[in-house]
Amino acid sequence: LTWQQAASPYPLPWQEAAAYVEQLNAKCFGGKTGWRLPTVNELLSLLDENPLQPLEAVFSTGQKWFWSADLHGKIERWYVNLDMGYTATQDMGCLNHIRAVCSLK
């Protein structure tokens, strides 16, 4: 997977996540057009990376809560808190950052 290094500059409601990712694809961000929201497991895999190298050394700082592509009912979606290392659900209107992912294929 290729991760977007700098997440969305400000948190967005889940409904706007698709539009954000569409903009990345329209701009051919990083020379790629397959950007999408990551799954919960993909986001959690960031915590399994090198434990001696904090996430801040790889990604921009300040953004810790991220929407995933995973659904939970009609009005809730899963998000991941990378700072505390857990996942939970929130109403789609809550604000979280978006860190897009793209497959290497």
PDB file of N, CA and C in Angstrom:
ATOM      1  N   LEU A   1       0.833  -1.194   0.000  1.00  0.00           N
ATOM      2  CA  LEU A   1       0.000   0.000   0.000  1.00  0.00           C
ATOM      3  C   LEU A   1       0.869   1.246   0.000  1.00  0.00           C
ATOM      4  N   THR A   2       0.374   2.268  -0.649  1.00  0.00           N
ATOM      5  CA  THR A   2       0.977   3.592  -0.595  1.00  0.00           C
ATOM      6  C   THR A   2       0.042   4.473   0.212  1.00  0.00           C
ATOM      7  N   TRP A   3       0.587   5.125   1.228  1.00  0.00           N
ATOM      8  CA  TRP A   3      -0.210   5.989   2.097  1.00  0.00           C
ATOM      9  C   TRP A   3      -0.004   7.445   1.734  1.00  0.00           C
ATOM     10  N   GLN A   4      -1.044   8.207   1.863  1.00  0.00           N
ATOM     11  CA  GLN A   4      -0.958   9.650   1.728  1.00  0.00           C
ATOM     12  C   GLN A   4      -0.189  10.146   2.949  1.00  0.00           C
ATOM     13  N   GLN A   5       0.958  10.798   2.743  1.00  0.00           N
ATOM     14  CA  GLN A   5       1.790  11.195   3.870  1.00  0.00           C
ATOM     15  C   GLN A   5       1.119  12.257   4.727  1.00  0.00           C
ATOM     16  N   ALA A   6       0.607  13.275   4.102  1.00  0.00           N
ATOM     17  CA  ALA A   6      -0.104  14.326   4.835  1.00  0.00           C
ATOM     18  C   ALA A   6      -1.598  14.081   4.685  1.00  0.00           C
ATOM     19  N   ALA A   7      -2.261  13.910   5.789  1.00  0.00           N
ATOM     20  CA  ALA A   7      -3.703  13.668   5.758  1.00  0.00           C
ATOM     21  C   ALA A   7      -4.447  14.940   5.378  1.00  0.00           C
ATOM     22  N   SER A   8      -5.753  14.849   5.339  1.00  0.00           N
ATOM     23  CA  SER A   8      -6.560  16.036   5.045  1.00  0.00           C
ATOM     24  C   SER A   8      -6.149  17.150   6.008  1.00  0.00           C
ATOM     25  N   PRO A   9      -6.078  18.380   5.530  1.00  0.00           N
ATOM     26  CA  PRO A   9      -5.589  19.468   6.377  1.00  0.00           C
ATOM     27  C   PRO A   9      -6.505  19.794   7.552  1.00  0.00           C
ATOM     28  N   TYR A  10      -7.745  19.392   7.463  1.00  0.00           N
ATOM     29  CA  TYR A  10      -8.697  19.628   8.550  1.00  0.00           C
ATOM     30  C   TYR A  10      -9.645  18.437   8.606  1.00  0.00           C
ATOM     31  N   PRO A  11     -10.246  18.190   9.754  1.00  0.00           N
ATOM     32  CA  PRO A  11     -11.170  17.055   9.868  1.00  0.00           C
ATOM     33  C   PRO A  11     -12.456  17.309   9.083  1.00  0.00           C
ATOM     34  N   LEU A  12     -13.025  16.227   8.578  1.00  0.00           N
ATOM     35  CA  LEU A  12     -14.230  16.299   7.753  1.00  0.00           C
ATOM     36  C   LEU A  12     -15.264  15.299   8.249  1.00  0.00           C
ATOM     37  N   PRO A  13     -16.547  15.564   7.999  1.00  0.00           N
ATOM     38  CA  PRO A  13     -17.551  14.534   8.260  1.00  0.00           C
ATOM     39  C   PRO A  13     -17.375  13.403   7.243  1.00  0.00           C
ATOM     40  N   TRP A  14     -17.838  12.217   7.602  1.00  0.00           N
ATOM     41  CA  TRP A  14     -17.637  11.052   6.732  1.00  0.00           C
ATOM     42  C   TRP A  14     -18.236  11.266   5.347  1.00  0.00           C
ATOM     43  N   GLN A  15     -19.349  11.983   5.271  1.00  0.00           N
ATOM     44  CA  GLN A  15     -19.993  12.204   3.979  1.00  0.00           C
ATOM     45  C   GLN A  15     -19.071  12.942   3.007  1.00  0.00           C
ATOM     46  N   GLU A  16     -18.156  13.742   3.504  1.00  0.00           N
ATOM     47  CA  GLU A  16     -17.253  14.496   2.640  1.00  0.00           C
ATOM     48  C   GLU A  16     -15.970  13.734   2.324  1.00  0.00           C
ATOM     49  N   ALA A  17     -15.795  12.581   2.946  1.00  0.00           N
ATOM     50  CA  ALA A  17     -14.586  11.785   2.722  1.00  0.00           C
ATOM     51  C   ALA A  17     -14.481  11.335   1.268  1.00  0.00           C
ATOM     52  N   ALA A  18     -15.602  10.901   0.693  1.00  0.00           N
ATOM     53  CA  ALA A  18     -15.583  10.438  -0.698  1.00  0.00           C
ATOM     54  C   ALA A  18     -15.186  11.563  -1.649  1.00  0.00           C
ATOM     55  N   ALA A  19     -15.690  12.753  -1.404  1.00  0.00           N
ATOM     56  CA  ALA A  19     -15.349  13.897  -2.258  1.00  0.00           C
ATOM     57  C   ALA A  19     -13.865  14.235  -2.135  1.00  0.00           C
ATOM     58  N   TYR A  20     -13.330  14.130  -0.934  1.00  0.00           N
ATOM     59  CA  TYR A  20     -11.908  14.395  -0.724  1.00  0.00           C
ATOM     60  C   TYR A  20     -11.058  13.399  -1.525  1.00  0.00           C
ATOM     61  N   VAL A  21     -11.424  12.126  -1.453  1.00  0.00           N
ATOM     62  CA  VAL A  21     -10.674  11.093  -2.173  1.00  0.00           C
ATOM     63  C   VAL A  21     -10.849  11.266  -3.681  1.00  0.00           C
ATOM     64  N   GLU A  22     -12.038  11.640  -4.129  1.00  0.00           N
ATOM     65  CA  GLU A  22     -12.266  11.890  -5.550  1.00  0.00           C
ATOM     66  C   GLU A  22     -11.357  13.006  -6.062  1.00  0.00           C
ATOM     67  N   GLN A  23     -11.144  14.032  -5.242  1.00  0.00           N
ATOM     68  CA  GLN A  23     -10.249  15.123  -5.632  1.00  0.00           C
ATOM     69  C   GLN A  23      -8.817  14.621  -5.800  1.00  0.00           C
ATOM     70  N   LEU A  24      -8.381  13.746  -4.896  1.00  0.00           N
ATOM     71  CA  LEU A  24      -7.035  13.177  -5.033  1.00  0.00           C
ATOM     72  C   LEU A  24      -6.906  12.418  -6.341  1.00  0.00           C
ATOM     73  N   ASN A  25      -7.913  11.621  -6.669  1.00  0.00           N
ATOM     74  CA  ASN A  25      -7.886  10.841  -7.912  1.00  0.00           C
ATOM     75  C   ASN A  25      -7.964  11.740  -9.139  1.00  0.00           C
ATOM     76  N   ALA A  26      -8.768  12.796  -9.082  1.00  0.00           N
ATOM     77  CA  ALA A  26      -8.887  13.716 -10.213  1.00  0.00           C
ATOM     78  C   ALA A  26      -7.571  14.443 -10.485  1.00  0.00           C
ATOM     79  N   LYS A  27      -6.823  14.733  -9.428  1.00  0.00           N
ATOM     80  CA  LYS A  27      -5.527  15.413  -9.555  1.00  0.00           C
ATOM     81  C   LYS A  27      -4.397  14.442  -9.863  1.00  0.00           C
ATOM     82  N   CYS A  28      -4.709  13.139  -9.881  1.00  0.00           N
ATOM     83  CA  CYS A  28      -3.692  12.104 -10.069  1.00  0.00           C
ATOM     84  C   CYS A  28      -2.580  12.306  -9.023  1.00  0.00           C
ATOM     85  N   PHE A  29      -3.033  12.473  -7.780  1.00  0.00           N
ATOM     86  CA  PHE A  29      -2.139  12.757  -6.656  1.00  0.00           C
ATOM     87  C   PHE A  29      -1.052  11.691  -6.561  1.00  0.00           C
ATOM     88  N   GLY A  30       0.187  12.131  -6.488  1.00  0.00           N
ATOM     89  CA  GLY A  30       1.315  11.209  -6.403  1.00  0.00           C
ATOM     90  C   GLY A  30       1.465  10.324  -7.626  1.00  0.00           C
ATOM     91  N   GLY A  31       0.869  10.744  -8.747  1.00  0.00           N
ATOM     92  CA  GLY A  31       0.941   9.959  -9.969  1.00  0.00           C
ATOM     93  C   GLY A  31       0.039   8.742  -9.965  1.00  0.00           C
ATOM     94  N   LYS A  32      -0.936   8.714  -9.043  1.00  0.00           N
ATOM     95  CA  LYS A  32      -1.820   7.561  -8.915  1.00  0.00           C
ATOM     96  C   LYS A  32      -3.288   8.004  -8.968  1.00  0.00           C
ATOM     97  N   THR A  33      -4.146   7.082  -9.391  1.00  0.00           N
ATOM     98  CA  THR A  33      -5.574   7.382  -9.452  1.00  0.00           C
ATOM     99  C   THR A  33      -6.423   6.371  -8.689  1.00  0.00           C
ATOM    100  N   GLY A  34      -5.815   5.506  -7.923  1.00  0.00           N
ATOM    101  CA  GLY A  34      -6.566   4.488  -7.185  1.00  0.00           C
ATOM    102  C   GLY A  34      -6.720   4.788  -5.712  1.00  0.00           C
ATOM    103  N   TRP A  35      -6.748   6.060  -5.332  1.00  0.00           N
ATOM    104  CA  TRP A  35      -6.858   6.422  -3.921  1.00  0.00           C
ATOM    105  C   TRP A  35      -8.235   6.055  -3.383  1.00  0.00           C
ATOM    106  N   ARG A  36      -8.264   5.644  -2.106  1.00  0.00           N
ATOM    107  CA  ARG A  36      -9.513   5.265  -1.441  1.00  0.00           C
ATOM    108  C   ARG A  36      -9.327   5.422   0.065  1.00  0.00           C
ATOM    109  N   LEU A  37     -10.442   5.336   0.789  1.00  0.00           N
ATOM    110  CA  LEU A  37     -10.358   5.307   2.252  1.00  0.00           C
ATOM    111  C   LEU A  37      -9.828   3.941   2.677  1.00  0.00           C
ATOM    112  N   PRO A  38      -8.983   3.890   3.677  1.00  0.00           N
ATOM    113  CA  PRO A  38      -8.472   2.606   4.147  1.00  0.00           C
ATOM    114  C   PRO A  38      -9.489   1.877   5.024  1.00  0.00           C
ATOM    115  N   THR A  39      -9.305   0.589   5.156  1.00  0.00           N
ATOM    116  CA  THR A  39     -10.118  -0.187   6.091  1.00  0.00           C
ATOM    117  C   THR A  39      -9.560   0.012   7.504  1.00  0.00           C
ATOM    118  N   VAL A  40     -10.317  -0.406   8.496  1.00  0.00           N
ATOM    119  CA  VAL A  40      -9.842  -0.334   9.878  1.00  0.00           C
ATOM    120  C   VAL A  40      -8.549  -1.126  10.023  1.00  0.00           C
ATOM    121  N   ASN A  41      -8.520  -2.331   9.463  1.00  0.00           N
ATOM    122  CA  ASN A  41      -7.312  -3.156   9.585  1.00  0.00           C
ATOM    123  C   ASN A  41      -6.103  -2.509   8.929  1.00  0.00           C
ATOM    124  N   GLU A  42      -6.308  -1.838   7.813  1.00  0.00           N
ATOM    125  CA  GLU A  42      -5.192  -1.139   7.161  1.00  0.00           C
ATOM    126  C   GLU A  42      -4.684  -0.004   8.044  1.00  0.00           C
ATOM    127  N   LEU A  43      -5.591   0.763   8.630  1.00  0.00           N
ATOM    128  CA  LEU A  43      -5.165   1.834   9.533  1.00  0.00           C
ATOM    129  C   LEU A  43      -4.439   1.276  10.755  1.00  0.00           C
ATOM    130  N   LEU A  44      -4.970   0.206  11.326  1.00  0.00           N
ATOM    131  CA  LEU A  44      -4.328  -0.389  12.497  1.00  0.00           C
ATOM    132  C   LEU A  44      -2.959  -0.973  12.161  1.00  0.00           C
ATOM    133  N   SER A  45      -2.752  -1.342  10.902  1.00  0.00           N
ATOM    134  CA  SER A  45      -1.443  -1.876  10.517  1.00  0.00           C
ATOM    135  C   SER A  45      -0.350  -0.823  10.673  1.00  0.00           C
ATOM    136  N   LEU A  46      -0.724   0.455  10.651  1.00  0.00           N
ATOM    137  CA  LEU A  46       0.266   1.508  10.863  1.00  0.00           C
ATOM    138  C   LEU A  46       0.865   1.427  12.263  1.00  0.00           C
ATOM    139  N   LEU A  47       0.090   0.916  13.205  1.00  0.00           N
ATOM    140  CA  LEU A  47       0.587   0.765  14.569  1.00  0.00           C
ATOM    141  C   LEU A  47       1.559  -0.399  14.680  1.00  0.00           C
ATOM    142  N   ASP A  48       1.488  -1.341  13.753  1.00  0.00           N
ATOM    143  CA  ASP A  48       2.349  -2.513  13.787  1.00  0.00           C
ATOM    144  C   ASP A  48       3.687  -2.283  13.091  1.00  0.00           C
ATOM    145  N   GLU A  49       3.841  -1.111  12.497  1.00  0.00           N
ATOM    146  CA  GLU A  49       5.107  -0.819  11.827  1.00  0.00           C
ATOM    147  C   GLU A  49       6.225  -0.777  12.860  1.00  0.00           C
ATOM    148  N   ASN A  50       7.365  -0.340  12.497  1.00  0.00           N
ATOM    149  CA  ASN A  50       8.537  -0.310  13.362  1.00  0.00           C
ATOM    150  C   ASN A  50       8.229   0.402  14.678  1.00  0.00           C
ATOM    151  N   PRO A  51       8.197  -0.328  15.800  1.00  0.00           N
ATOM    152  CA  PRO A  51       7.860   0.303  17.081  1.00  0.00           C
ATOM    153  C   PRO A  51       8.922   1.290  17.565  1.00  0.00           C
ATOM    154  N   LEU A  52      10.120   1.215  17.001  1.00  0.00           N
ATOM    155  CA  LEU A  52      11.174   2.151  17.386  1.00  0.00           C
ATOM    156  C   LEU A  52      11.081   3.465  16.634  1.00  0.00           C
ATOM    157  N   GLN A  53      10.260   3.490  15.606  1.00  0.00           N
ATOM    158  CA  GLN A  53      10.074   4.703  14.810  1.00  0.00           C
ATOM    159  C   GLN A  53       8.640   5.183  14.981  1.00  0.00           C
ATOM    160  N   PRO A  54       8.434   6.274  15.710  1.00  0.00           N
ATOM    161  CA  PRO A  54       7.063   6.751  15.927  1.00  0.00           C
ATOM    162  C   PRO A  54       6.403   7.187  14.624  1.00  0.00           C
ATOM    163  N   LEU A  55       5.071   7.162  14.622  1.00  0.00           N
ATOM    164  CA  LEU A  55       4.319   7.548  13.431  1.00  0.00           C
ATOM    165  C   LEU A  55       4.687   8.949  12.950  1.00  0.00           C
ATOM    166  N   GLU A  56       5.018   9.827  13.893  1.00  0.00           N
ATOM    167  CA  GLU A  56       5.341  11.202  13.520  1.00  0.00           C
ATOM    168  C   GLU A  56       6.573  11.268  12.623  1.00  0.00           C
ATOM    169  N   ALA A  57       7.441  10.261  12.693  1.00  0.00           N
ATOM    170  CA  ALA A  57       8.626  10.252  11.839  1.00  0.00           C
ATOM    171  C   ALA A  57       8.264   9.900  10.399  1.00  0.00           C
ATOM    172  N   VAL A  58       7.111   9.267  10.201  1.00  0.00           N
ATOM    173  CA  VAL A  58       6.688   8.836   8.870  1.00  0.00           C
ATOM    174  C   VAL A  58       5.602   9.751   8.316  1.00  0.00           C
ATOM    175  N   PHE A  59       4.651  10.131   9.158  1.00  0.00           N
ATOM    176  CA  PHE A  59       3.514  10.936   8.724  1.00  0.00           C
ATOM    177  C   PHE A  59       3.514  12.294   9.408  1.00  0.00           C
ATOM    178  N   SER A  60       2.763  13.215   8.831  1.00  0.00           N
ATOM    179  CA  SER A  60       2.621  14.535   9.435  1.00  0.00           C
ATOM    180  C   SER A  60       1.962  14.406  10.805  1.00  0.00           C
ATOM    181  N   THR A  61       2.290  15.315  11.676  1.00  0.00           N
ATOM    182  CA  THR A  61       1.793  15.247  13.050  1.00  0.00           C
ATOM    183  C   THR A  61       0.495  16.014  13.210  1.00  0.00           C
ATOM    184  N   GLY A  62      -0.134  15.823  14.339  1.00  0.00           N
ATOM    185  CA  GLY A  62      -1.333  16.576  14.674  1.00  0.00           C
ATOM    186  C   GLY A  62      -2.630  15.893  14.285  1.00  0.00           C
ATOM    187  N   GLN A  63      -2.559  14.943  13.404  1.00  0.00           N
ATOM    188  CA  GLN A  63      -3.765  14.258  12.956  1.00  0.00           C
ATOM    189  C   GLN A  63      -3.714  12.820  13.465  1.00  0.00           C
ATOM    190  N   LYS A  64      -4.636  12.495  14.355  1.00  0.00           N
ATOM    191  CA  LYS A  64      -4.597  11.189  15.011  1.00  0.00           C
ATOM    192  C   LYS A  64      -5.858  10.349  14.787  1.00  0.00           C
ATOM    193  N   TRP A  65      -6.983  10.984  14.489  1.00  0.00           N
ATOM    194  CA  TRP A  65      -8.252  10.280  14.317  1.00  0.00           C
ATOM    195  C   TRP A  65      -8.594  10.270  12.835  1.00  0.00           C
ATOM    196  N   PHE A  66      -8.837   9.046  12.293  1.00  0.00           N
ATOM    197  CA  PHE A  66      -9.052   8.901  10.860  1.00  0.00           C
ATOM    198  C   PHE A  66     -10.286   8.056  10.562  1.00  0.00           C
ATOM    199  N   TRP A  67     -11.052   8.506   9.568  1.00  0.00           N
ATOM    200  CA  TRP A  67     -12.173   7.710   9.085  1.00  0.00           C
ATOM    201  C   TRP A  67     -11.650   6.495   8.340  1.00  0.00           C
ATOM    202  N   SER A  68     -12.386   5.403   8.445  1.00  0.00           N
ATOM    203  CA  SER A  68     -12.100   4.225   7.636  1.00  0.00           C
ATOM    204  C   SER A  68     -13.224   4.070   6.616  1.00  0.00           C
ATOM    205  N   ALA A  69     -13.047   3.131   5.716  1.00  0.00           N
ATOM    206  CA  ALA A  69     -14.074   2.839   4.720  1.00  0.00           C
ATOM    207  C   ALA A  69     -15.154   1.922   5.288  1.00  0.00           C
ATOM    208  N   ASP A  70     -14.924   1.381   6.465  1.00  0.00           N
ATOM    209  CA  ASP A  70     -15.834   0.386   7.035  1.00  0.00           C
ATOM    210  C   ASP A  70     -17.106   1.018   7.595  1.00  0.00           C
ATOM    211  N   LEU A  71     -18.221   0.388   7.287  1.00  0.00           N
ATOM    212  CA  LEU A  71     -19.531   0.873   7.704  1.00  0.00           C
ATOM    213  C   LEU A  71     -19.972   0.198   8.998  1.00  0.00           C
ATOM    214  N   HIS A  72     -20.828   0.899   9.734  1.00  0.00           N
ATOM    215  CA  HIS A  72     -21.435   0.337  10.948  1.00  0.00           C
ATOM    216  C   HIS A  72     -22.856   0.882  11.034  1.00  0.00           C
ATOM    217  N   GLY A  73     -23.785   0.168  10.470  1.00  0.00           N
ATOM    218  CA  GLY A  73     -25.165   0.637  10.471  1.00  0.00           C
ATOM    219  C   GLY A  73     -25.409   1.722   9.443  1.00  0.00           C
ATOM    220  N   LYS A  74     -26.558   2.407   9.604  1.00  0.00           N
ATOM    221  CA  LYS A  74     -26.963   3.419   8.625  1.00  0.00           C
ATOM    222  C   LYS A  74     -26.326   4.781   8.863  1.00  0.00           C
ATOM    223  N   ILE A  75     -26.041   5.121  10.123  1.00  0.00           N
ATOM    224  CA  ILE A  75     -25.545   6.472  10.394  1.00  0.00           C
ATOM    225  C   ILE A  75     -24.205   6.497  11.122  1.00  0.00           C
ATOM    226  N   GLU A  76     -23.620   5.343  11.376  1.00  0.00           N
ATOM    227  CA  GLU A  76     -22.324   5.297  12.053  1.00  0.00           C
ATOM    228  C   GLU A  76     -21.276   4.675  11.140  1.00  0.00           C
ATOM    229  N   ARG A  77     -20.046   5.127  11.331  1.00  0.00           N
ATOM    230  CA  ARG A  77     -18.899   4.613  10.582  1.00  0.00           C
ATOM    231  C   ARG A  77     -17.753   4.370  11.564  1.00  0.00           C
ATOM    232  N   TRP A  78     -16.849   3.479  11.179  1.00  0.00           N
ATOM    233  CA  TRP A  78     -15.694   3.173  12.022  1.00  0.00           C
ATOM    234  C   TRP A  78     -14.601   4.213  11.817  1.00  0.00           C
ATOM    235  N   TYR A  79     -13.914   4.535  12.882  1.00  0.00           N
ATOM    236  CA  TYR A  79     -12.738   5.397  12.808  1.00  0.00           C
ATOM    237  C   TYR A  79     -11.641   4.766  13.657  1.00  0.00           C
ATOM    238  N   VAL A  80     -10.415   5.229  13.466  1.00  0.00           N
ATOM    239  CA  VAL A  80      -9.274   4.718  14.226  1.00  0.00           C
ATOM    240  C   VAL A  80      -8.564   5.891  14.875  1.00  0.00           C
ATOM    241  N   ASN A  81      -8.276   5.745  16.154  1.00  0.00           N
ATOM    242  CA  ASN A  81      -7.476   6.716  16.893  1.00  0.00           C
ATOM    243  C   ASN A  81      -6.062   6.145  16.968  1.00  0.00           C
ATOM    244  N   LEU A  82      -5.161   6.648  16.120  1.00  0.00           N
ATOM    245  CA  LEU A  82      -3.807   6.125  16.080  1.00  0.00           C
ATOM    246  C   LEU A  82      -2.981   6.548  17.289  1.00  0.00           C
ATOM    247  N   ASP A  83      -3.373   7.619  17.940  1.00  0.00           N
ATOM    248  CA  ASP A  83      -2.638   8.083  19.115  1.00  0.00           C
ATOM    249  C   ASP A  83      -2.814   7.101  20.275  1.00  0.00           C
ATOM    250  N   MET A  84      -4.027   6.624  20.480  1.00  0.00           N
ATOM    251  CA  MET A  84      -4.324   5.721  21.587  1.00  0.00           C
ATOM    252  C   MET A  84      -4.382   4.262  21.133  1.00  0.00           C
ATOM    253  N   GLY A  85      -4.395   4.026  19.829  1.00  0.00           N
ATOM    254  CA  GLY A  85      -4.368   2.678  19.297  1.00  0.00           C
ATOM    255  C   GLY A  85      -5.665   1.904  19.455  1.00  0.00           C
ATOM    256  N   TYR A  86      -6.785   2.534  19.162  1.00  0.00           N
ATOM    257  CA  TYR A  86      -8.065   1.820  19.241  1.00  0.00           C
ATOM    258  C   TYR A  86      -8.976   2.245  18.103  1.00  0.00           C
ATOM    259  N   THR A  87     -10.044   1.467  17.925  1.00  0.00           N
ATOM    260  CA  THR A  87     -11.047   1.777  16.921  1.00  0.00           C
ATOM    261  C   THR A  87     -12.421   1.810  17.582  1.00  0.00           C
ATOM    262  N   ALA A  88     -13.299   2.606  17.032  1.00  0.00           N
ATOM    263  CA  ALA A  88     -14.656   2.736  17.570  1.00  0.00           C
ATOM    264  C   ALA A  88     -15.548   3.261  16.445  1.00  0.00           C
ATOM    265  N   THR A  89     -16.821   3.459  16.780  1.00  0.00           N
ATOM    266  CA  THR A  89     -17.743   4.011  15.791  1.00  0.00           C
ATOM    267  C   THR A  89     -18.156   5.417  16.203  1.00  0.00           C
ATOM    268  N   GLN A  90     -18.508   6.203  15.211  1.00  0.00           N
ATOM    269  CA  GLN A  90     -19.012   7.562  15.425  1.00  0.00           C
ATOM    270  C   GLN A  90     -20.105   7.834  14.404  1.00  0.00           C
ATOM    271  N   ASP A  91     -20.952   8.794  14.741  1.00  0.00           N
ATOM    272  CA  ASP A  91     -21.943   9.284  13.810  1.00  0.00           C
ATOM    273  C   ASP A  91     -21.224   9.874  12.601  1.00  0.00           C
ATOM    274  N   MET A  92     -21.799   9.719  11.423  1.00  0.00           N
ATOM    275  CA  MET A  92     -21.184  10.205  10.187  1.00  0.00           C
ATOM    276  C   MET A  92     -20.927  11.706  10.185  1.00  0.00           C
ATOM    277  N   GLY A  93     -21.639  12.445  11.040  1.00  0.00           N
ATOM    278  CA  GLY A  93     -21.458  13.887  11.091  1.00  0.00           C
ATOM    279  C   GLY A  93     -20.276  14.328  11.942  1.00  0.00           C
ATOM    280  N   CYS A  94     -19.678  13.409  12.687  1.00  0.00           N
ATOM    281  CA  CYS A  94     -18.500  13.752  13.487  1.00  0.00           C
ATOM    282  C   CYS A  94     -17.334  14.081  12.559  1.00  0.00           C
ATOM    283  N   LEU A  95     -16.347  14.746  13.097  1.00  0.00           N
ATOM    284  CA  LEU A  95     -15.220  15.195  12.286  1.00  0.00           C
ATOM    285  C   LEU A  95     -13.963  14.388  12.586  1.00  0.00           C
ATOM    286  N   ASN A  96     -13.388  13.798  11.547  1.00  0.00           N
ATOM    287  CA  ASN A  96     -12.118  13.087  11.622  1.00  0.00           C
ATOM    288  C   ASN A  96     -11.313  13.401  10.377  1.00  0.00           C
ATOM    289  N   HIS A  97     -10.024  13.177  10.447  1.00  0.00           N
ATOM    290  CA  HIS A  97      -9.167  13.384   9.287  1.00  0.00           C
ATOM    291  C   HIS A  97      -9.301  12.215   8.313  1.00  0.00           C
ATOM    292  N   ILE A  98      -8.769  12.407   7.130  1.00  0.00           N
ATOM    293  CA  ILE A  98      -8.774  11.387   6.105  1.00  0.00           C
ATOM    294  C   ILE A  98      -7.337  11.168   5.659  1.00  0.00           C
ATOM    295  N   ARG A  99      -6.915   9.929   5.698  1.00  0.00           N
ATOM    296  CA  ARG A  99      -5.600   9.546   5.169  1.00  0.00           C
ATOM    297  C   ARG A  99      -5.855   8.475   4.126  1.00  0.00           C
ATOM    298  N   ALA A 100      -5.745   8.870   2.886  1.00  0.00           N
ATOM    299  CA  ALA A 100      -6.066   7.964   1.783  1.00  0.00           C
ATOM    300  C   ALA A 100      -4.945   6.936   1.595  1.00  0.00           C
ATOM    301  N   VAL A 101      -5.330   5.842   0.967  1.00  0.00           N
ATOM    302  CA  VAL A 101      -4.403   4.757   0.679  1.00  0.00           C
ATOM    303  C   VAL A 101      -4.610   4.336  -0.766  1.00  0.00           C
ATOM    304  N   CYS A 102      -3.551   3.808  -1.358  1.00  0.00           N
ATOM    305  CA  CYS A 102      -3.615   3.367  -2.757  1.00  0.00           C
ATOM    306  C   CYS A 102      -2.844   2.056  -2.862  1.00  0.00           C
ATOM    307  N   SER A 103      -3.407   1.086  -3.548  1.00  0.00           N
ATOM    308  CA  SER A 103      -2.702  -0.169  -3.769  1.00  0.00           C
ATOM    309  C   SER A 103      -1.566   0.054  -4.766  1.00  0.00           C
ATOM    310  N   LEU A 104      -0.526  -0.724  -4.631  1.00  0.00           N
ATOM    311  CA  LEU A 104       0.642  -0.573  -5.498  1.00  0.00           C
ATOM    312  C   LEU A 104       0.405  -1.075  -6.918  1.00  0.00           C
ATOM    313  N   LYS A 105      -0.633  -1.849  -7.143  1.00  0.00           N
ATOM    314  CA  LYS A 105      -0.912  -2.415  -8.471  1.00  0.00           C
ATOM    315  C   LYS A 105      -1.164  -1.334  -9.486  1.00  0.00           C
TER     316      LYS A 105
END
